[in-house]
C-alpha atoms as a PDB file:
ATOM      1  CA  MET A   1       4.941   2.206  28.684  1.00  0.00           C
ATOM      2  CA  ILE A   2       1.966   1.186  26.153  1.00  0.00           C
ATOM      3  CA  ILE A   3       2.389  -1.089  23.532  1.00  0.00           C
ATOM      4  CA  LEU A   4       0.677   0.017  19.998  1.00  0.00           C
ATOM      5  CA  ASP A   5      -0.946  -3.266  19.014  1.00  0.00           C
ATOM      6  CA  GLY A   6      -1.063  -3.322  15.298  1.00  0.00           C
ATOM      7  CA  LYS A   7      -2.160  -7.132  15.664  1.00  0.00           C
ATOM      8  CA  LYS A   8      -5.367  -6.289  17.528  1.00  0.00           C
ATOM      9  CA  THR A   9      -6.029  -2.476  16.050  1.00  0.00           C
ATOM     10  CA  SER A  10      -5.931  -4.098  12.425  1.00  0.00           C
ATOM     11  CA  ALA A  11      -8.215  -7.160  13.839  1.00  0.00           C
ATOM     12  CA  ASP A  12     -10.846  -4.097  14.604  1.00  0.00           C
ATOM     13  CA  LEU A  13     -10.419  -2.703  11.039  1.00  0.00           C
ATOM     14  CA  LYS A  14     -10.623  -5.670   9.148  1.00  0.00           C
ATOM     15  CA  SER A  15     -14.260  -6.296  11.427  1.00  0.00           C
ATOM     16  CA  GLU A  16     -15.236  -2.599  10.557  1.00  0.00           C
ATOM     17  CA  ILE A  17     -14.558  -3.079   6.795  1.00  0.00           C
ATOM     18  CA  ALA A  18     -16.463  -6.525   6.888  1.00  0.00           C
ATOM     19  CA  GLU A  19     -19.395  -4.619   7.953  1.00  0.00           C
ATOM     20  CA  SER A  20     -19.251  -2.226   4.994  1.00  0.00           C
ATOM     21  CA  VAL A  21     -18.712  -5.180   2.853  1.00  0.00           C
ATOM     22  CA  LYS A  22     -22.052  -6.938   4.004  1.00  0.00           C
ATOM     23  CA  LEU A  23     -23.873  -3.582   3.695  1.00  0.00           C
ATOM     24  CA  LEU A  24     -22.701  -2.926   0.745  1.00  0.00           C
ATOM     25  CA  LYS A  25     -24.004  -6.215  -0.376  1.00  0.00           C
ATOM     26  CA  SER A  26     -27.502  -6.189   1.553  1.00  0.00           C
ATOM     27  CA  GLN A  27     -28.078  -2.858  -0.842  1.00  0.00           C
ATOM     28  CA  GLY A  28     -27.071  -4.513  -3.982  1.00  0.00           C
ATOM     29  CA  LYS A  29     -23.644  -3.027  -4.814  1.00  0.00           C
ATOM     30  CA  LYS A  30     -20.613  -4.429  -5.825  1.00  0.00           C
ATOM     31  CA  THR A  31     -18.146  -6.303  -3.698  1.00  0.00           C
ATOM     32  CA  PRO A  32     -15.001  -4.697  -3.786  1.00  0.00           C
ATOM     33  CA  HIS A  33     -12.570  -6.420  -5.620  1.00  0.00           C
ATOM     34  CA  LEU A  34      -8.401  -6.580  -5.234  1.00  0.00           C
ATOM     35  CA  ALA A  35      -6.254  -7.801  -7.469  1.00  0.00           C
ATOM     36  CA  ALA A  36      -2.249  -8.855  -6.936  1.00  0.00           C
ATOM     37  CA  VAL A  37       0.407  -9.104  -9.401  1.00  0.00           C
ATOM     38  CA  LEU A  38       3.247 -11.009  -8.640  1.00  0.00           C
ATOM     39  CA  VAL A  39       6.368 -11.837 -10.543  1.00  0.00           C
ATOM     40  CA  GLY A  40       8.892 -13.937  -9.594  1.00  0.00           C
ATOM     41  CA  THR A  41       9.351 -16.554  -6.747  1.00  0.00           C
ATOM     42  CA  ASP A  42      10.817 -13.672  -3.772  1.00  0.00           C
ATOM     43  CA  GLY A  43      10.178 -15.323  -0.219  1.00  0.00           C
ATOM     44  CA  ALA A  44       8.879 -12.241   1.317  1.00  0.00           C
ATOM     45  CA  SER A  45       6.738 -11.270  -1.770  1.00  0.00           C
ATOM     46  CA  MET A  46       4.862 -14.549  -1.818  1.00  0.00           C
ATOM     47  CA  THR A  47       4.383 -14.163   1.893  1.00  0.00           C
ATOM     48  CA  TYR A  48       3.197 -10.713   1.802  1.00  0.00           C
ATOM     49  CA  VAL A  49       0.757 -11.594  -1.188  1.00  0.00           C
ATOM     50  CA  GLY A  50      -0.388 -14.912   0.217  1.00  0.00           C
ATOM     51  CA  ALA A  51      -1.310 -12.573   3.517  1.00  0.00           C
ATOM     52  CA  LYS A  52      -3.136 -10.017   1.486  1.00  0.00           C
ATOM     53  CA  VAL A  53      -5.099 -12.777  -0.445  1.00  0.00           C
ATOM     54  CA  LYS A  54      -5.779 -14.135   3.310  1.00  0.00           C
ATOM     55  CA  ALA A  55      -6.857 -10.964   4.278  1.00  0.00           C
ATOM     56  CA  CYS A  56      -9.048 -10.269   1.374  1.00  0.00           C
ATOM     57  CA  GLU A  57     -10.818 -13.593   2.121  1.00  0.00           C
ATOM     58  CA  LEU A  58     -11.500 -12.606   5.937  1.00  0.00           C
ATOM     59  CA  VAL A  59     -13.173  -9.089   4.950  1.00  0.00           C
ATOM     60  CA  GLY A  60     -15.549 -10.425   2.379  1.00  0.00           C
ATOM     61  CA  PHE A  61     -13.473  -8.903  -0.654  1.00  0.00           C
ATOM     62  CA  GLU A  62     -12.967 -10.816  -4.172  1.00  0.00           C
ATOM     63  CA  SER A  63      -9.350 -11.492  -4.682  1.00  0.00           C
ATOM     64  CA  THR A  64      -7.342 -12.244  -7.861  1.00  0.00           C
ATOM     65  CA  LEU A  65      -3.699 -13.161  -7.698  1.00  0.00           C
ATOM     66  CA  ILE A  66      -1.475 -12.973 -11.030  1.00  0.00           C
ATOM     67  CA  ASP A  67       1.161 -14.945 -10.648  1.00  0.00           C
ATOM     68  CA  LEU A  68       3.820 -14.644 -13.375  1.00  0.00           C
ATOM     69  CA  PRO A  69       7.388 -16.386 -13.739  1.00  0.00           C
ATOM     70  CA  GLU A  70      10.719 -14.362 -13.073  1.00  0.00           C
ATOM     71  CA  GLU A  71      11.380 -14.436 -16.657  1.00  0.00           C
ATOM     72  CA  THR A  72       8.290 -11.941 -17.540  1.00  0.00           C
ATOM     73  CA  THR A  73       9.330  -9.172 -19.940  1.00  0.00           C
ATOM     74  CA  GLU A  74       8.619  -5.560 -18.980  1.00  0.00           C
ATOM     75  CA  GLU A  75       6.318  -5.724 -22.233  1.00  0.00           C
ATOM     76  CA  LYS A  76       4.246  -8.616 -20.680  1.00  0.00           C
ATOM     77  CA  LEU A  77       3.853  -7.308 -17.175  1.00  0.00           C
ATOM     78  CA  LEU A  78       2.981  -4.070 -18.799  1.00  0.00           C
ATOM     79  CA  GLN A  79       0.266  -5.549 -20.634  1.00  0.00           C
ATOM     80  CA  GLU A  80      -1.105  -7.327 -17.881  1.00  0.00           C
ATOM     81  CA  ILE A  81      -1.183  -3.805 -16.207  1.00  0.00           C
ATOM     82  CA  GLU A  82      -2.850  -2.241 -18.792  1.00  0.00           C
ATOM     83  CA  SER A  83      -5.658  -5.228 -18.749  1.00  0.00           C
ATOM     84  CA  LEU A  84      -6.200  -4.552 -14.953  1.00  0.00           C
ATOM     85  CA  ASN A  85      -6.717  -0.831 -15.783  1.00  0.00           C
ATOM     86  CA  ASN A  86      -9.508  -1.691 -18.414  1.00  0.00           C
ATOM     87  CA  ASN A  87     -11.046  -4.720 -15.945  1.00  0.00           C
ATOM     88  CA  ASP A  88     -14.434  -2.595 -14.376  1.00  0.00           C
ATOM     89  CA  SER A  89     -14.592  -5.713 -12.043  1.00  0.00           C
ATOM     90  CA  ILE A  90     -11.564  -5.182  -9.858  1.00  0.00           C
ATOM     91  CA  ASP A  91     -11.328  -2.197  -8.284  1.00  0.00           C
ATOM     92  CA  GLY A  92      -7.867  -1.779  -6.987  1.00  0.00           C
ATOM     93  CA  PHE A  93      -4.758  -3.807  -7.356  1.00  0.00           C
ATOM     94  CA  ILE A  94      -1.076  -3.516  -6.714  1.00  0.00           C
ATOM     95  CA  VAL A  95       2.284  -4.941  -7.978  1.00  0.00           C
ATOM     96  CA  GLN A  96       4.187  -6.410  -5.338  1.00  0.00           C
ATOM     97  CA  LEU A  97       7.995  -4.867  -5.308  1.00  0.00           C
ATOM     98  CA  PRO A  98      10.273  -5.463  -5.731  1.00  0.00           C
ATOM     99  CA  LEU A  99      10.627  -6.736  -9.534  1.00  0.00           C
ATOM    100  CA  PRO A 100      13.116  -9.023 -11.142  1.00  0.00           C
ATOM    101  CA  LYS A 101      16.099  -6.740 -12.077  1.00  0.00           C
ATOM    102  CA  HIS A 102      15.198  -6.550 -15.968  1.00  0.00           C
ATOM    103  CA  ILE A 103      11.949  -4.800 -15.570  1.00  0.00           C
ATOM    104  CA  ASP A 104      11.962  -1.036 -14.561  1.00  0.00           C
ATOM    105  CA  GLU A 105      10.052  -0.405 -11.331  1.00  0.00           C
ATOM    106  CA  GLN A 106       9.097   3.229 -12.166  1.00  0.00           C
ATOM    107  CA  LYS A 107       7.537   2.702 -15.520  1.00  0.00           C
ATOM    108  CA  VAL A 108       5.615  -0.301 -14.055  1.00  0.00           C
ATOM    109  CA  LEU A 109       4.084   2.200 -11.434  1.00  0.00           C
ATOM    110  CA  MET A 110       3.409   4.920 -13.835  1.00  0.00           C
ATOM    111  CA  ALA A 111       1.224   2.775 -15.798  1.00  0.00           C
ATOM    112  CA  VAL A 112      -1.228   1.723 -12.770  1.00  0.00           C
ATOM    113  CA  ASN A 113      -4.508   3.882 -13.351  1.00  0.00           C
ATOM    114  CA  PRO A 114      -4.085   6.117 -10.688  1.00  0.00           C
ATOM    115  CA  ASP A 115      -7.892   5.634  -9.223  1.00  0.00           C
ATOM    116  CA  LYS A 116      -7.017   1.511  -9.013  1.00  0.00           C
ATOM    117  CA  ASP A 117      -3.729   2.268  -7.404  1.00  0.00           C
ATOM    118  CA  VAL A 118      -4.471   1.397  -4.007  1.00  0.00           C
ATOM    119  CA  ASP A 119      -0.803   1.466  -3.046  1.00  0.00           C
ATOM    120  CA  GLY A 120      -1.016   4.852  -2.783  1.00  0.00           C
ATOM    121  CA  PHE A 121       2.487   4.848  -4.887  1.00  0.00           C
ATOM    122  CA  HIS A 122       1.367   6.503  -8.543  1.00  0.00           C
ATOM    123  CA  PRO A 123       2.843  10.465  -8.614  1.00  0.00           C
ATOM    124  CA  THR A 124      -1.161  11.593  -9.397  1.00  0.00           C
ATOM    125  CA  ASN A 125      -1.648   9.729  -5.607  1.00  0.00           C
ATOM    126  CA  VAL A 126       1.513  11.331  -4.159  1.00  0.00           C
ATOM    127  CA  GLY A 127       1.193  14.679  -5.549  1.00  0.00           C
ATOM    128  CA  LYS A 128      -2.815  14.991  -3.952  1.00  0.00           C
ATOM    129  CA  MET A 129      -1.335  13.183  -1.009  1.00  0.00           C
ATOM    130  CA  THR A 130       1.428  16.382  -0.851  1.00  0.00           C
ATOM    131  CA  LEU A 131      -1.166  18.664  -1.419  1.00  0.00           C
ATOM    132  CA  ASP A 132      -3.963  17.325   1.009  1.00  0.00           C
ATOM    133  CA  LEU A 133      -6.281  16.152  -1.466  1.00  0.00           C
ATOM    134  CA  PRO A 134      -8.625  13.034  -1.499  1.00  0.00           C
ATOM    135  CA  SER A 135      -6.193  10.039  -2.813  1.00  0.00           C
ATOM    136  CA  PHE A 136      -4.989   7.076  -1.574  1.00  0.00           C
ATOM    137  CA  LEU A 137      -2.413   7.337   1.160  1.00  0.00           C
ATOM    138  CA  PRO A 138       0.455   4.751   0.780  1.00  0.00           C
ATOM    139  CA  ALA A 139      -0.570   1.820   3.194  1.00  0.00           C
ATOM    140  CA  THR A 140       2.104   1.632   5.754  1.00  0.00           C
ATOM    141  CA  PRO A 141       2.401   5.452   6.377  1.00  0.00           C
ATOM    142  CA  TYR A 142      -1.726   5.221   6.641  1.00  0.00           C
ATOM    143  CA  GLY A 143      -1.623   2.400   9.311  1.00  0.00           C
ATOM    144  CA  ILE A 144       0.874   4.387  11.517  1.00  0.00           C
ATOM    145  CA  LEU A 145      -1.285   7.540  11.531  1.00  0.00           C
ATOM    146  CA  GLU A 146      -4.130   5.273  12.368  1.00  0.00           C
ATOM    147  CA  LEU A 147      -2.388   3.716  15.095  1.00  0.00           C
ATOM    148  CA  LEU A 148      -1.455   6.946  16.239  1.00  0.00           C
ATOM    149  CA  GLU A 149      -5.108   8.333  16.444  1.00  0.00           C
ATOM    150  CA  ARG A 150      -6.311   4.987  17.922  1.00  0.00           C
ATOM    151  CA  TYR A 151      -4.269   5.333  20.685  1.00  0.00           C
ATOM    152  CA  GLU A 152      -4.986   9.196  20.932  1.00  0.00           C
ATOM    153  CA  VAL A 153      -1.436   9.872  20.943  1.00  0.00           C
ATOM    154  CA  GLU A 154      -0.885  13.471  21.086  1.00  0.00           C
ATOM    155  CA  THR A 155       0.818  14.659  17.900  1.00  0.00           C
ATOM    156  CA  SER A 156       0.105  18.503  17.406  1.00  0.00           C
ATOM    157  CA  GLY A 157       3.038  20.700  17.743  1.00  0.00           C
ATOM    158  CA  LYS A 158       5.220  17.646  18.617  1.00  0.00           C
ATOM    159  CA  HIS A 159       8.812  17.318  16.871  1.00  0.00           C
ATOM    160  CA  VAL A 160       8.748  13.949  14.851  1.00  0.00           C
ATOM    161  CA  VAL A 161      12.305  12.594  13.901  1.00  0.00           C
ATOM    162  CA  VAL A 162      11.346   9.868  10.716  1.00  0.00           C
ATOM    163  CA  ILE A 163      14.701   7.970  10.114  1.00  0.00           C
ATOM    164  CA  GLY A 164      14.261   7.191   6.533  1.00  0.00           C
ATOM    165  CA  ARG A 165      13.458   9.064   3.124  1.00  0.00           C
ATOM    166  CA  SER A 166      11.920   6.189   0.646  1.00  0.00           C
ATOM    167  CA  HIS A 167       8.854   7.151  -1.289  1.00  0.00           C
ATOM    168  CA  ILE A 168       7.385   4.245   0.530  1.00  0.00           C
ATOM    169  CA  VAL A 169       7.165   5.230   3.966  1.00  0.00           C
ATOM    170  CA  GLY A 170       9.835   7.979   4.979  1.00  0.00           C
ATOM    171  CA  ARG A 171       8.998  10.742   2.635  1.00  0.00           C
ATOM    172  CA  PRO A 172       5.244  10.447   2.890  1.00  0.00           C
ATOM    173  CA  MET A 173       5.100   9.731   6.608  1.00  0.00           C
ATOM    174  CA  SER A 174       7.257  13.554   6.951  1.00  0.00           C
ATOM    175  CA  ILE A 175       4.451  15.137   4.809  1.00  0.00           C
ATOM    176  CA  LEU A 176       1.455  13.796   6.592  1.00  0.00           C
ATOM    177  CA  MET A 177       3.071  14.384   9.893  1.00  0.00           C
ATOM    178  CA  SER A 178       3.513  17.988   8.789  1.00  0.00           C
ATOM    179  CA  GLN A 179      -0.184  18.478   7.830  1.00  0.00           C
ATOM    180  CA  LYS A 180      -3.201  19.940   9.489  1.00  0.00           C
ATOM    181  CA  ARG A 181      -4.818  16.723  10.670  1.00  0.00           C
ATOM    182  CA  LYS A 182      -5.678  14.594  13.550  1.00  0.00           C
ATOM    183  CA  ALA A 183      -2.545  12.740  13.932  1.00  0.00           C
ATOM    184  CA  GLY A 184      -0.176  15.757  12.261  1.00  0.00           C
ATOM    185  CA  ASN A 185       0.447  19.057  13.263  1.00  0.00           C
ATOM    186  CA  ALA A 186       3.798  17.876  14.168  1.00  0.00           C
ATOM    187  CA  THR A 187       7.086  19.617  13.149  1.00  0.00           C
ATOM    188  CA  VAL A 188       8.918  17.315  11.475  1.00  0.00           C
ATOM    189  CA  THR A 189      12.868  16.305  10.703  1.00  0.00           C
ATOM    190  CA  VAL A 190      13.474  13.987   8.060  1.00  0.00           C
ATOM    191  CA  ALA A 191      16.914  12.134   8.870  1.00  0.00           C
ATOM    192  CA  HIS A 192      18.579   9.235   7.134  1.00  0.00           C
ATOM    193  CA  SER A 193      21.829   7.294   6.632  1.00  0.00           C
ATOM    194  CA  ARG A 194      23.994  10.081   5.722  1.00  0.00           C
ATOM    195  CA  THR A 195      22.570  12.842   8.577  1.00  0.00           C
ATOM    196  CA  LYS A 196      25.080  13.726  10.714  1.00  0.00           C
ATOM    197  CA  ASN A 197      24.624  14.098  14.668  1.00  0.00           C
ATOM    198  CA  LEU A 198      21.701  11.851  14.057  1.00  0.00           C
ATOM    199  CA  LYS A 199      21.475  11.082  18.182  1.00  0.00           C
ATOM    200  CA  LYS A 200      21.192  15.009  18.830  1.00  0.00           C
ATOM    201  CA  LEU A 201      18.511  14.871  17.070  1.00  0.00           C
ATOM    202  CA  THR A 202      16.783  11.585  18.053  1.00  0.00           C
ATOM    203  CA  LEU A 203      17.239  12.645  21.756  1.00  0.00           C
ATOM    204  CA  GLN A 204      15.248  16.331  20.868  1.00  0.00           C
ATOM    205  CA  ALA A 205      12.339  13.995  19.090  1.00  0.00           C
ATOM    206  CA  ASP A 206       8.956  13.398  21.169  1.00  0.00           C
ATOM    207  CA  ILE A 207       7.935  10.837  18.227  1.00  0.00           C
ATOM    208  CA  ILE A 208      10.521   8.740  16.154  1.00  0.00           C
ATOM    209  CA  VAL A 209       9.250   6.818  12.875  1.00  0.00           C
ATOM    210  CA  ALA A 210      12.520   4.447  12.136  1.00  0.00           C
ATOM    211  CA  ALA A 211      12.157   3.114   9.091  1.00  0.00           C
ATOM    212  CA  LEU A 212      16.003   2.653   7.697  1.00  0.00           C
ATOM    213  CA  GLY A 213      15.745  -0.948   6.953  1.00  0.00           C
ATOM    214  CA  ILE A 214      19.099  -1.832   9.497  1.00  0.00           C
ATOM    215  CA  ALA A 215      18.308  -4.167  12.276  1.00  0.00           C
ATOM    216  CA  GLU A 216      18.158  -2.720  15.715  1.00  0.00           C
ATOM    217  CA  PHE A 217      19.452   0.447  15.085  1.00  0.00           C
ATOM    218  CA  LEU A 218      17.734   2.892  17.680  1.00  0.00           C
ATOM    219  CA  THR A 219      18.930   2.401  20.972  1.00  0.00           C
ATOM    220  CA  GLY A 220      17.981   3.493  24.110  1.00  0.00           C
ATOM    221  CA  ASP A 221      20.677   5.887  24.738  1.00  0.00           C
ATOM    222  CA  MET A 222      19.626   7.505  21.609  1.00  0.00           C
ATOM    223  CA  VAL A 223      16.023   8.478  22.984  1.00  0.00           C
ATOM    224  CA  LYS A 224      14.852  10.725  25.636  1.00  0.00           C
ATOM    225  CA  GLU A 225      12.221   9.933  28.611  1.00  0.00           C
ATOM    226  CA  ASP A 226       8.626   9.546  27.651  1.00  0.00           C
ATOM    227  CA  VAL A 227       9.249   9.143  23.578  1.00  0.00           C
ATOM    228  CA  VAL A 228       6.519   7.770  21.435  1.00  0.00           C
ATOM    229  CA  VAL A 229       8.596   5.098  18.984  1.00  0.00           C
ATOM    230  CA  ILE A 230       7.287   3.440  15.879  1.00  0.00           C
ATOM    231  CA  ASP A 231       9.197   0.563  14.458  1.00  0.00           C
ATOM    232  CA  VAL A 232       8.577   0.241  10.602  1.00  0.00           C
ATOM    233  CA  GLY A 233      11.665  -2.209  10.137  1.00  0.00           C
ATOM    234  CA  ILE A 234      11.714  -5.785   9.814  1.00  0.00           C
ATOM    235  CA  THR A 235      14.815  -7.883   9.357  1.00  0.00           C
ATOM    236  CA  ARG A 236      15.952 -11.760   9.643  1.00  0.00           C
ATOM    237  CA  VAL A 237      18.762 -11.871  11.799  1.00  0.00           C
ATOM    238  CA  ASP A 238      20.752 -15.298  12.887  1.00  0.00           C
ATOM    239  CA  ASP A 239      19.782 -16.445  16.404  1.00  0.00           C
ATOM    240  CA  ALA A 240      21.001 -19.949  17.328  1.00  0.00           C
ATOM    241  CA  THR A 241      18.599 -20.126  20.080  1.00  0.00           C
ATOM    242  CA  LYS A 242      15.497 -19.918  17.651  1.00  0.00           C
ATOM    243  CA  LYS A 243      14.250 -23.687  16.151  1.00  0.00           C
ATOM    244  CA  ARG A 244      14.133 -21.625  12.649  1.00  0.00           C
ATOM    245  CA  GLY A 245      17.769 -20.092  13.158  1.00  0.00           C
ATOM    246  CA  TYR A 246      16.833 -16.856  12.957  1.00  0.00           C
ATOM    247  CA  LYS A 247      14.424 -14.144  14.810  1.00  0.00           C
ATOM    248  CA  LEU A 248      12.948 -10.876  13.680  1.00  0.00           C
ATOM    249  CA  ALA A 249      14.130  -7.809  14.513  1.00  0.00           C
ATOM    250  CA  GLY A 250      13.022  -4.267  13.775  1.00  0.00           C
ATOM    251  CA  ASP A 251      14.641  -0.752  13.434  1.00  0.00           C
ATOM    252  CA  VAL A 252      14.507  -0.436  17.041  1.00  0.00           C
ATOM    253  CA  HIS A 253      16.578  -2.270  19.917  1.00  0.00           C
ATOM    254  CA  PHE A 254      13.240  -2.728  21.763  1.00  0.00           C
ATOM    255  CA  GLU A 255      14.733  -4.135  25.269  1.00  0.00           C
ATOM    256  CA  SER A 256      16.794  -1.250  26.166  1.00  0.00           C
ATOM    257  CA  VAL A 257      14.474   1.697  24.231  1.00  0.00           C
ATOM    258  CA  SER A 258      11.047   0.354  25.574  1.00  0.00           C
ATOM    259  CA  LYS A 259      12.274   1.227  29.346  1.00  0.00           C
ATOM    260  CA  LYS A 260      12.150   5.016  27.875  1.00  0.00           C
ATOM    261  CA  ALA A 261       9.053   4.840  26.031  1.00  0.00           C
ATOM    262  CA  SER A 262       5.585   6.109  26.475  1.00  0.00           C
ATOM    263  CA  TYR A 263       4.024   3.960  23.553  1.00  0.00           C
ATOM    264  CA  ILE A 264       5.887   1.809  21.089  1.00  0.00           C
ATOM    265  CA  THR A 265       4.912  -0.561  18.281  1.00  0.00           C
ATOM    266  CA  PRO A 266       6.213  -4.405  18.411  1.00  0.00           C
ATOM    267  CA  VAL A 267       7.906  -6.426  15.901  1.00  0.00           C
ATOM    268  CA  PRO A 268       6.463  -8.497  14.816  1.00  0.00           C
ATOM    269  CA  GLY A 269       2.863  -7.333  15.391  1.00  0.00           C
ATOM    270  CA  GLY A 270       2.895  -3.502  15.143  1.00  0.00           C
ATOM    271  CA  VAL A 271       3.217  -1.819  11.945  1.00  0.00           C
ATOM    272  CA  GLY A 272       3.347  -5.051   9.609  1.00  0.00           C
ATOM    273  CA  PRO A 273      -0.345  -5.935  10.120  1.00  0.00           C
ATOM    274  CA  MET A 274      -1.527  -2.500   9.920  1.00  0.00           C
ATOM    275  CA  THR A 275      -0.151  -1.764   6.145  1.00  0.00           C
ATOM    276  CA  ILE A 276      -2.205  -4.753   4.806  1.00  0.00           C
ATOM    277  CA  ALA A 277      -5.763  -3.288   6.687  1.00  0.00           C
ATOM    278  CA  MET A 278      -4.883  -0.056   5.221  1.00  0.00           C
ATOM    279  CA  LEU A 279      -4.502  -1.949   1.429  1.00  0.00           C
ATOM    280  CA  LEU A 280      -8.186  -3.190   2.409  1.00  0.00           C
ATOM    281  CA  LYS A 281      -9.575   0.204   3.505  1.00  0.00           C
ATOM    282  CA  ASN A 282      -8.048   1.893   0.299  1.00  0.00           C
ATOM    283  CA  THR A 283      -9.503  -0.964  -1.642  1.00  0.00           C
ATOM    284  CA  LEU A 284     -12.880  -0.309   0.034  1.00  0.00           C
ATOM    285  CA  LEU A 285     -12.748   3.455  -1.000  1.00  0.00           C
ATOM    286  CA  ALA A 286     -11.948   2.741  -4.589  1.00  0.00           C
ATOM    287  CA  CYS A 287     -15.200   0.471  -4.861  1.00  0.00           C
ATOM    288  CA  GLU A 288     -17.149   3.124  -2.907  1.00  0.00           C
ATOM    289  CA  ASN A 289     -16.027   6.032  -5.673  1.00  0.00           C
ATOM    290  CA  LYS A 290     -17.243   4.074  -8.381  1.00  0.00           C
ATOM    291  CA  GLU A 291     -20.725   4.520  -6.938  1.00  0.00           C
END
């Protein structure tokens, strides 16, 4: 069983991106600049945005954090987005989700200039991705593809079962894995919480992408020998034995599934670090596209 080490792979990627930034600077070209918009004080969102700002520093990017209070109106947020769209010094930006309940997320994502949409959530980028045209790929699926490629996991002709149909992970993952690409050419089944006989499907799968958001949902009796397992989930689970009172669990019951798997991502340290690395890669691409 081989661990798909997202922590190490993302560190390698960041080193490569840092070299590209040095080259851009040595040629007198623009330094990539990523901005992040955070509305409110959601703990997980603050942690994610903080990690993204830190990652920018590490690779030599410029970064801007726009920190808005919880009560920010939708109109005010849309004005901020328009300002970022028109700011030539900023190559790409993200609006951290989830947003407060009074703001329409769809309206906000539609307002982002597709050329600066380094999260890959705008319909223009989703449409281009679906047609296999150059676009910004959503960072988490992009990170999974990168992991599979770098570990030379064979995907061509394999049966991939994606559990979860979100617009951020499940659906784009299913599209990308079916396309003609190095980590692709697979036959893909999309399953979700309403799927009947899910265990029957997962037992047929050569590769499983678990992105359901239910802690330790996929267990050892649901997978066959030598399966490749990608665990996208991360949930806090109460654990009195831990100093902080909880542990982080994925959508996969690691102990039982890892006994059968040929490759598996850990939680934490698997898909999570890759997501930030691919966001940086998209920002570098956005900067280079301006040249």
